[in-house]
């Protein structure tokens, strides 16, 4: 896609992702749900706790 932006110094940089355009988001969500399911809900990986505000959903 060659999506670019200018940083604070005015230098052109390539973007790695724009609104999840480089990710298969439904597959990522399905993977998280399937691999972290417990009897009490979904136990999220620790790295995601700050995004969801809780360790489980």
N, C-alpha and C. Protein backbone atom coordinates (compact mmCIF):
# COMPACT_ATOMS: atom_id res chain seq x y z
N UNK A 1 0.81 -1.18 0.00
CA UNK A 1 0.00 0.00 0.00
C UNK A 1 0.86 1.26 0.00
N UNK A 2 2.06 1.15 0.53
CA UNK A 2 3.00 2.28 0.59
C UNK A 2 2.37 3.54 1.20
N UNK A 3 1.66 3.36 2.31
CA UNK A 3 1.06 4.49 3.03
C UNK A 3 2.17 5.20 3.80
N UNK A 4 2.27 6.51 3.65
CA UNK A 4 3.33 7.29 4.27
C UNK A 4 2.77 8.45 5.08
N UNK A 5 3.59 8.94 6.00
CA UNK A 5 3.27 10.13 6.77
C UNK A 5 4.55 10.90 7.04
N UNK A 6 4.42 12.15 7.46
CA UNK A 6 5.60 12.94 7.83
C UNK A 6 5.66 13.02 9.35
N UNK A 7 6.83 12.69 9.91
CA UNK A 7 6.99 12.75 11.36
C UNK A 7 7.24 14.20 11.81
N UNK A 8 7.51 14.39 13.08
CA UNK A 8 7.69 15.74 13.64
C UNK A 8 8.86 16.48 13.01
N UNK A 9 9.85 15.74 12.50
CA UNK A 9 11.01 16.36 11.86
C UNK A 9 10.78 16.63 10.38
N UNK A 10 9.61 16.26 9.86
CA UNK A 10 9.32 16.47 8.45
C UNK A 10 9.82 15.36 7.55
N UNK A 11 10.33 14.28 8.15
CA UNK A 11 10.84 13.16 7.36
C UNK A 11 9.69 12.21 7.02
N UNK A 12 9.64 11.74 5.78
CA UNK A 12 8.60 10.81 5.35
C UNK A 12 8.89 9.41 5.89
N UNK A 13 7.87 8.80 6.51
CA UNK A 13 7.98 7.46 7.09
C UNK A 13 6.86 6.59 6.53
N UNK A 14 7.11 5.28 6.43
CA UNK A 14 6.08 4.34 6.02
C UNK A 14 5.27 3.89 7.24
N UNK A 15 3.95 3.75 7.08
CA UNK A 15 3.10 3.22 8.14
C UNK A 15 3.14 1.71 8.11
N UNK A 16 3.05 1.10 9.27
CA UNK A 16 3.03 -0.35 9.34
C UNK A 16 1.61 -0.88 9.30
N UNK A 17 0.65 -0.11 9.79
CA UNK A 17 -0.75 -0.53 9.80
C UNK A 17 -1.61 0.71 9.90
N UNK A 18 -2.74 0.69 9.26
CA UNK A 18 -3.68 1.80 9.31
C UNK A 18 -5.06 1.21 9.61
N UNK A 19 -5.55 1.43 10.82
CA UNK A 19 -6.86 0.91 11.22
C UNK A 19 -6.98 -0.60 11.00
N UNK A 20 -5.92 -1.32 11.27
CA UNK A 20 -5.94 -2.77 11.13
C UNK A 20 -5.89 -3.26 9.70
N UNK A 21 -5.49 -2.41 8.77
CA UNK A 21 -5.50 -2.81 7.36
C UNK A 21 -4.52 -3.93 7.04
N UNK A 22 -3.51 -4.12 7.85
CA UNK A 22 -2.55 -5.19 7.57
C UNK A 22 -2.80 -6.42 8.43
N UNK A 23 -3.88 -6.42 9.20
CA UNK A 23 -4.19 -7.53 10.08
C UNK A 23 -5.52 -8.17 9.71
N UNK A 24 -5.63 -9.46 9.91
CA UNK A 24 -6.90 -10.15 9.75
C UNK A 24 -7.59 -10.11 11.11
N UNK A 25 -8.22 -8.99 11.43
CA UNK A 25 -8.78 -8.77 12.77
C UNK A 25 -9.77 -9.85 13.22
N UNK A 26 -10.69 -10.30 12.38
CA UNK A 26 -11.59 -11.36 12.86
C UNK A 26 -10.85 -12.63 13.28
N UNK A 27 -9.76 -12.96 12.58
CA UNK A 27 -8.99 -14.15 12.95
C UNK A 27 -8.27 -13.95 14.28
N UNK A 28 -7.79 -12.73 14.53
CA UNK A 28 -7.09 -12.45 15.79
C UNK A 28 -8.06 -12.54 16.96
N UNK A 29 -9.25 -11.98 16.80
CA UNK A 29 -10.26 -12.04 17.87
C UNK A 29 -10.67 -13.49 18.11
N UNK A 30 -10.92 -14.25 17.06
CA UNK A 30 -11.30 -15.65 17.22
C UNK A 30 -10.21 -16.43 17.94
N UNK A 31 -8.95 -16.17 17.61
CA UNK A 31 -7.83 -16.85 18.25
C UNK A 31 -7.77 -16.52 19.74
N UNK A 32 -7.93 -15.24 20.08
CA UNK A 32 -7.92 -14.85 21.50
C UNK A 32 -9.05 -15.52 22.27
N UNK A 33 -10.24 -15.56 21.67
CA UNK A 33 -11.38 -16.16 22.35
C UNK A 33 -11.20 -17.67 22.52
N UNK A 34 -10.75 -18.34 21.48
CA UNK A 34 -10.61 -19.79 21.54
C UNK A 34 -9.50 -20.24 22.49
N UNK A 35 -8.38 -19.53 22.49
CA UNK A 35 -7.22 -19.98 23.26
C UNK A 35 -7.22 -19.52 24.72
N UNK A 36 -8.09 -18.59 25.07
CA UNK A 36 -8.07 -18.07 26.44
C UNK A 36 -9.39 -18.28 27.16
N UNK A 37 -10.25 -19.14 26.64
CA UNK A 37 -11.55 -19.39 27.24
C UNK A 37 -11.41 -20.25 28.49
N UNK A 38 -12.10 -19.84 29.55
CA UNK A 38 -12.14 -20.61 30.79
C UNK A 38 -13.60 -20.77 31.21
N UNK A 39 -13.83 -21.48 32.30
CA UNK A 39 -15.20 -21.63 32.82
C UNK A 39 -15.78 -20.30 33.30
N UNK A 40 -14.91 -19.35 33.66
CA UNK A 40 -15.35 -18.06 34.21
C UNK A 40 -15.37 -16.94 33.18
N UNK A 41 -15.07 -17.23 31.93
CA UNK A 41 -15.05 -16.20 30.89
C UNK A 41 -13.78 -16.31 30.06
N UNK A 42 -13.35 -15.18 29.53
CA UNK A 42 -12.15 -15.13 28.70
C UNK A 42 -11.04 -14.47 29.52
N UNK A 43 -9.96 -15.19 29.79
CA UNK A 43 -8.80 -14.65 30.50
C UNK A 43 -7.85 -14.08 29.47
N UNK A 44 -7.73 -12.78 29.43
CA UNK A 44 -6.90 -12.11 28.43
C UNK A 44 -5.42 -12.20 28.77
N UNK A 45 -4.55 -12.23 27.76
CA UNK A 45 -3.11 -12.16 28.02
C UNK A 45 -2.78 -10.86 28.76
N UNK A 46 -1.79 -10.91 29.60
CA UNK A 46 -1.44 -9.76 30.44
C UNK A 46 -1.16 -8.49 29.63
N UNK A 47 -0.59 -8.64 28.47
CA UNK A 47 -0.25 -7.48 27.64
C UNK A 47 -1.51 -6.72 27.19
N UNK A 48 -2.67 -7.35 27.19
CA UNK A 48 -3.91 -6.71 26.77
C UNK A 48 -4.73 -6.12 27.91
N UNK A 49 -4.34 -6.34 29.15
CA UNK A 49 -5.11 -5.86 30.30
C UNK A 49 -5.33 -4.36 30.27
N UNK A 50 -4.32 -3.60 29.91
CA UNK A 50 -4.47 -2.14 29.92
C UNK A 50 -5.45 -1.65 28.86
N UNK A 51 -5.60 -2.38 27.76
CA UNK A 51 -6.53 -1.98 26.70
C UNK A 51 -7.98 -2.26 27.10
N UNK A 52 -8.20 -3.33 27.87
CA UNK A 52 -9.55 -3.70 28.24
C UNK A 52 -9.92 -3.23 29.65
N UNK A 53 -8.94 -2.84 30.45
CA UNK A 53 -9.20 -2.35 31.79
C UNK A 53 -9.47 -3.46 32.79
N UNK A 54 -9.30 -4.71 32.39
CA UNK A 54 -9.54 -5.83 33.29
C UNK A 54 -8.80 -7.06 32.75
N UNK A 55 -8.49 -8.02 33.62
CA UNK A 55 -7.77 -9.21 33.16
C UNK A 55 -8.67 -10.22 32.45
N UNK A 56 -9.99 -10.03 32.55
CA UNK A 56 -10.90 -10.98 31.90
C UNK A 56 -12.14 -10.25 31.40
N UNK A 57 -12.80 -10.89 30.46
CA UNK A 57 -14.06 -10.34 29.94
C UNK A 57 -15.12 -11.40 29.98
